[in-house]
Amino acid sequence: MSSYFNQTIPRRQSAKSWRCACATLLAATLVTLNACSGSESPSLVPSDAPTAAGAVSPATVTPSSAAAPPVAVSLKAETEDLEKRGLLPKLDRSASIAGPDENGNGVRDDIEAYILKLPLTPVQQRAALQKAKALQMTLTVELTDRVALQKVGDALMASTKCAAESYPDSASYFSGKFESMTANTHARARRYMEYNAARGGSSTSWPDGDTCEK
């Protein structure tokens, strides 16, 4: 799903592939995050990621006279249940694309609260916040401003390198998780897809030196 790893994004995409990509991302946001990822690190992956023993299985539908509820409704209800039980972080689902950021540090408040609760060292915590901030920029950048788009791409790449050096065993897991948390509503997921489309034909190189924000 990410476009910020070191690769060139094709400018032209068929309408069919674009619709499929949007549908895939929008469906993924209903689950909120990749709780079943197999790349977790036992040292840093938090306990909120369900394990084989603690995972919640979808409700079994039995024949009845009543029509089965829509899949989207079932997934939404399951997500809300997981949040209530503390297995998923409770995320902001307001109509705002950017969401709340009361302290103005560029990280959505609910995502910041989640990161601050993780068992991370101060260095790892700053790296996680940097990644979340860079992802948040994809939702607010002006899509017609090529210079601004490149800056966001560079920020994403810098945060990726910082994460890889700060918590190498869990960088991929957390990057995917923060990405899902950032694009957690239909509107935000659509805006994130529009950012990726706007970056079509561009590329970002792996940066040199220390890219972690202090």
Protein backbone atom coordinates (compact mmCIF):
# COMPACT_ATOMS: atom_id res chain seq x y z
CA MET A 1 0.00 0.00 0.00
CA SER A 2 2.80 2.41 0.75
CA SER A 3 4.32 4.43 -2.05
CA TYR A 4 7.26 5.88 -0.17
CA PHE A 5 9.70 2.99 -0.37
CA ASN A 6 12.45 3.50 -2.92
CA GLN A 7 10.59 2.86 -6.13
CA THR A 8 9.01 4.70 -9.04
CA ILE A 9 5.23 4.78 -9.14
CA PRO A 10 3.67 4.39 -12.61
CA ARG A 11 1.93 7.53 -13.80
CA ARG A 12 -0.78 5.69 -15.66
CA GLN A 13 -3.02 3.22 -13.93
CA SER A 14 -6.06 1.60 -15.47
CA ALA A 15 -9.42 2.62 -14.05
CA LYS A 16 -10.00 -0.98 -13.01
CA SER A 17 -6.73 -1.26 -11.04
CA TRP A 18 -7.40 2.12 -9.40
CA ARG A 19 -10.86 1.04 -8.27
CA CYS A 20 -9.49 -2.25 -6.95
CA ALA A 21 -6.74 -0.46 -5.01
CA CYS A 22 -9.23 1.95 -3.45
CA ALA A 23 -11.61 -0.86 -2.55
CA THR A 24 -8.80 -2.82 -0.93
CA LEU A 25 -7.64 0.10 1.22
CA LEU A 26 -11.13 1.18 2.18
CA ALA A 27 -11.99 -2.36 3.26
CA ALA A 28 -8.79 -2.58 5.27
CA THR A 29 -9.68 0.52 7.28
CA LEU A 30 -12.78 -1.20 8.63
CA VAL A 31 -10.52 -3.54 10.54
CA THR A 32 -8.47 -0.46 11.56
CA LEU A 33 -5.03 -2.06 11.65
CA ASN A 34 -3.10 -5.16 10.68
CA ALA A 35 -3.70 -7.09 13.87
CA CYS A 36 -2.94 -10.42 12.24
CA SER A 37 0.44 -9.45 10.80
CA GLY A 38 2.97 -12.23 11.05
CA SER A 39 5.98 -9.93 11.32
CA GLU A 40 5.66 -8.97 14.96
CA SER A 41 8.72 -8.77 17.13
CA PRO A 42 8.31 -10.45 20.52
CA SER A 43 10.30 -7.69 22.20
CA LEU A 44 8.45 -4.61 20.91
CA VAL A 45 5.12 -5.68 19.47
CA PRO A 46 2.52 -4.61 22.05
CA SER A 47 0.06 -6.93 23.68
CA ASP A 48 -2.83 -5.30 21.81
CA ALA A 49 -1.94 -7.38 18.73
CA PRO A 50 -4.12 -10.50 19.03
CA THR A 51 -2.27 -13.82 19.11
CA ALA A 52 -3.51 -17.16 17.93
CA ALA A 53 -4.83 -17.90 21.42
CA GLY A 54 -6.42 -14.48 21.99
CA ALA A 55 -7.61 -13.57 18.51
CA VAL A 56 -11.28 -12.89 18.07
CA SER A 57 -12.90 -14.95 15.33
CA PRO A 58 -15.68 -13.52 13.18
CA ALA A 59 -19.15 -14.46 14.36
CA THR A 60 -20.51 -17.63 12.80
CA VAL A 61 -23.65 -17.03 10.78
CA THR A 62 -26.32 -19.69 11.21
CA PRO A 63 -29.36 -20.11 8.99
CA SER A 64 -32.35 -18.12 10.20
CA SER A 65 -35.35 -16.29 8.89
CA ALA A 66 -33.60 -12.98 9.45
CA ALA A 67 -31.21 -11.72 6.79
CA ALA A 68 -27.52 -11.76 7.71
CA PRO A 69 -26.11 -8.30 8.55
CA PRO A 70 -23.91 -6.63 5.94
CA VAL A 71 -20.23 -7.55 6.18
CA ALA A 72 -19.24 -3.90 6.72
CA VAL A 73 -21.58 -3.64 9.71
CA SER A 74 -20.21 -6.86 11.19
CA LEU A 75 -16.61 -5.72 10.81
CA LYS A 76 -17.40 -2.34 12.32
CA ALA A 77 -19.10 -3.96 15.29
CA GLU A 78 -16.19 -6.35 15.75
CA THR A 79 -13.70 -3.47 15.61
CA GLU A 80 -15.66 -1.52 18.22
CA ASP A 81 -15.80 -4.62 20.43
CA LEU A 82 -12.02 -5.07 20.16
CA GLU A 83 -11.54 -1.42 21.11
CA LYS A 84 -13.77 -1.77 24.17
CA ARG A 85 -11.79 -4.83 25.27
CA GLY A 86 -8.48 -3.01 24.84
CA LEU A 87 -7.28 -5.25 22.01
CA LEU A 88 -7.27 -2.33 19.57
CA PRO A 89 -6.58 1.35 20.28
CA LYS A 90 -9.67 3.55 20.21
CA LEU A 91 -9.21 5.81 17.21
CA ASP A 92 -10.74 9.12 16.18
CA ARG A 93 -13.36 8.65 13.47
CA SER A 94 -14.49 12.25 13.09
CA ALA A 95 -15.36 13.74 9.70
CA SER A 96 -12.15 15.77 9.73
CA ILE A 97 -9.46 14.44 7.39
CA ALA A 98 -6.65 15.66 9.66
CA GLY A 99 -8.34 14.79 12.95
CA PRO A 100 -7.50 16.35 16.33
CA ASP A 101 -3.99 17.60 17.14
CA GLU A 102 -4.33 19.79 20.20
CA ASN A 103 -0.61 20.16 20.91
CA GLY A 104 0.16 20.99 17.26
CA ASN A 105 3.06 18.54 16.93
CA GLY A 106 1.80 17.11 13.65
CA VAL A 107 0.68 13.77 15.11
CA ARG A 108 -3.00 12.99 15.50
CA ASP A 109 -3.84 12.91 19.20
CA ASP A 110 -5.24 9.37 19.32
CA ILE A 111 -2.24 7.93 17.51
CA GLU A 112 0.15 9.87 19.72
CA ALA A 113 -1.61 8.56 22.83
CA TYR A 114 -1.23 5.02 21.52
CA ILE A 115 2.49 5.47 20.81
CA LEU A 116 3.15 6.95 24.25
CA LYS A 117 1.71 3.81 25.83
CA LEU A 118 3.99 1.45 23.91
CA PRO A 119 6.94 -0.18 25.72
CA LEU A 120 9.53 1.84 23.78
CA THR A 121 12.74 3.57 24.75
CA PRO A 122 12.80 7.39 24.34
CA VAL A 123 14.73 7.01 21.07
CA GLN A 124 12.24 4.47 19.73
CA GLN A 125 9.32 6.60 20.85
CA ARG A 126 10.64 9.62 18.96
CA ALA A 127 11.13 7.46 15.86
CA ALA A 128 7.56 6.17 16.10
CA LEU A 129 6.18 9.70 16.46
CA GLN A 130 8.27 10.78 13.46
CA LYS A 131 6.74 8.00 11.36
CA ALA A 132 3.21 8.93 12.47
CA LYS A 133 3.86 12.60 11.72
CA ALA A 134 5.14 11.83 8.22
CA LEU A 135 2.09 9.69 7.48
CA GLN A 136 -0.20 12.44 8.75
CA MET A 137 1.40 14.81 6.24
CA THR A 138 0.02 12.69 3.39
CA LEU A 139 -3.50 13.68 4.44
CA THR A 140 -2.89 17.43 4.59
CA VAL A 141 -0.41 18.19 1.81
CA GLU A 142 -1.62 20.20 -1.20
CA LEU A 143 -1.91 17.56 -3.94
CA THR A 144 -1.16 20.00 -6.76
CA ASP A 145 2.05 21.28 -5.17
CA ARG A 146 4.86 19.08 -6.56
CA VAL A 147 7.47 20.59 -4.23
CA ALA A 148 5.33 19.96 -1.17
CA LEU A 149 4.59 16.42 -2.33
CA GLN A 150 8.31 15.73 -2.69
CA LYS A 151 8.94 17.02 0.84
CA VAL A 152 6.34 14.60 2.19
CA GLY A 153 7.96 11.76 0.25
CA ASP A 154 11.35 12.70 1.68
CA ALA A 155 9.88 12.88 5.20
CA LEU A 156 8.35 9.43 4.82
CA MET A 157 11.65 7.98 3.64
CA ALA A 158 13.55 9.66 6.47
CA SER A 159 11.08 8.28 9.02
CA THR A 160 11.38 4.82 7.48
CA LYS A 161 15.15 4.85 7.84
CA CYS A 162 14.94 6.20 11.38
CA ALA A 163 12.49 3.45 12.35
CA ALA A 164 14.66 0.78 10.74
CA GLU A 165 17.62 1.92 12.82
CA SER A 166 15.69 2.56 16.05
CA TYR A 167 13.69 -0.67 16.23
CA PRO A 168 14.85 -2.86 13.32
CA ASP A 169 12.99 -6.00 14.37
CA SER A 170 9.62 -4.22 14.48
CA ALA A 171 9.93 -1.39 11.95
CA SER A 172 7.83 -3.08 9.27
CA TYR A 173 5.12 -4.07 11.74
CA PHE A 174 4.76 -0.60 13.21
CA SER A 175 4.94 1.16 9.84
CA GLY A 176 2.00 -0.87 8.60
CA LYS A 177 0.13 -0.36 11.84
CA PHE A 178 0.59 3.42 11.88
CA GLU A 179 -0.41 3.57 8.23
CA SER A 180 -3.68 1.73 8.93
CA MET A 181 -4.36 3.90 11.97
CA THR A 182 -3.78 7.09 9.95
CA ALA A 183 -6.14 6.07 7.13
CA ASN A 184 -8.80 4.71 9.47
CA THR A 185 -11.91 6.23 7.89
CA HIS A 186 -13.24 6.11 4.35
CA ALA A 187 -12.44 9.80 3.83
CA ARG A 188 -8.89 9.47 5.17
CA ALA A 189 -8.24 6.30 3.20
CA ARG A 190 -9.47 7.96 0.02
CA ARG A 191 -7.27 11.00 0.69
CA TYR A 192 -4.28 8.74 1.27
CA MET A 193 -4.93 7.01 -2.06
CA GLU A 194 -5.14 10.42 -3.73
CA TYR A 195 -1.76 11.30 -2.24
CA ASN A 196 -0.27 8.11 -3.69
CA ALA A 197 -1.80 8.90 -7.08
CA ALA A 198 -0.43 12.46 -6.97
CA ARG A 199 3.04 11.02 -6.35
CA GLY A 200 2.80 9.00 -9.55
CA GLY A 201 5.96 9.10 -11.63
CA SER A 202 8.14 10.33 -8.77
CA SER A 203 10.70 8.54 -6.64
CA THR A 204 12.55 9.10 -3.39
CA SER A 205 16.04 7.83 -2.62
CA TRP A 206 17.21 6.23 0.60
CA PRO A 207 18.73 9.15 2.56
CA ASP A 208 22.26 9.30 3.95
CA GLY A 209 23.24 9.99 7.54
CA ASP A 210 21.07 10.24 10.63
CA THR A 211 17.49 10.97 9.64
CA CYS A 212 15.95 10.80 13.12
CA GLU A 213 14.38 14.02 14.38
CA LYS A 214 15.71 15.15 17.76
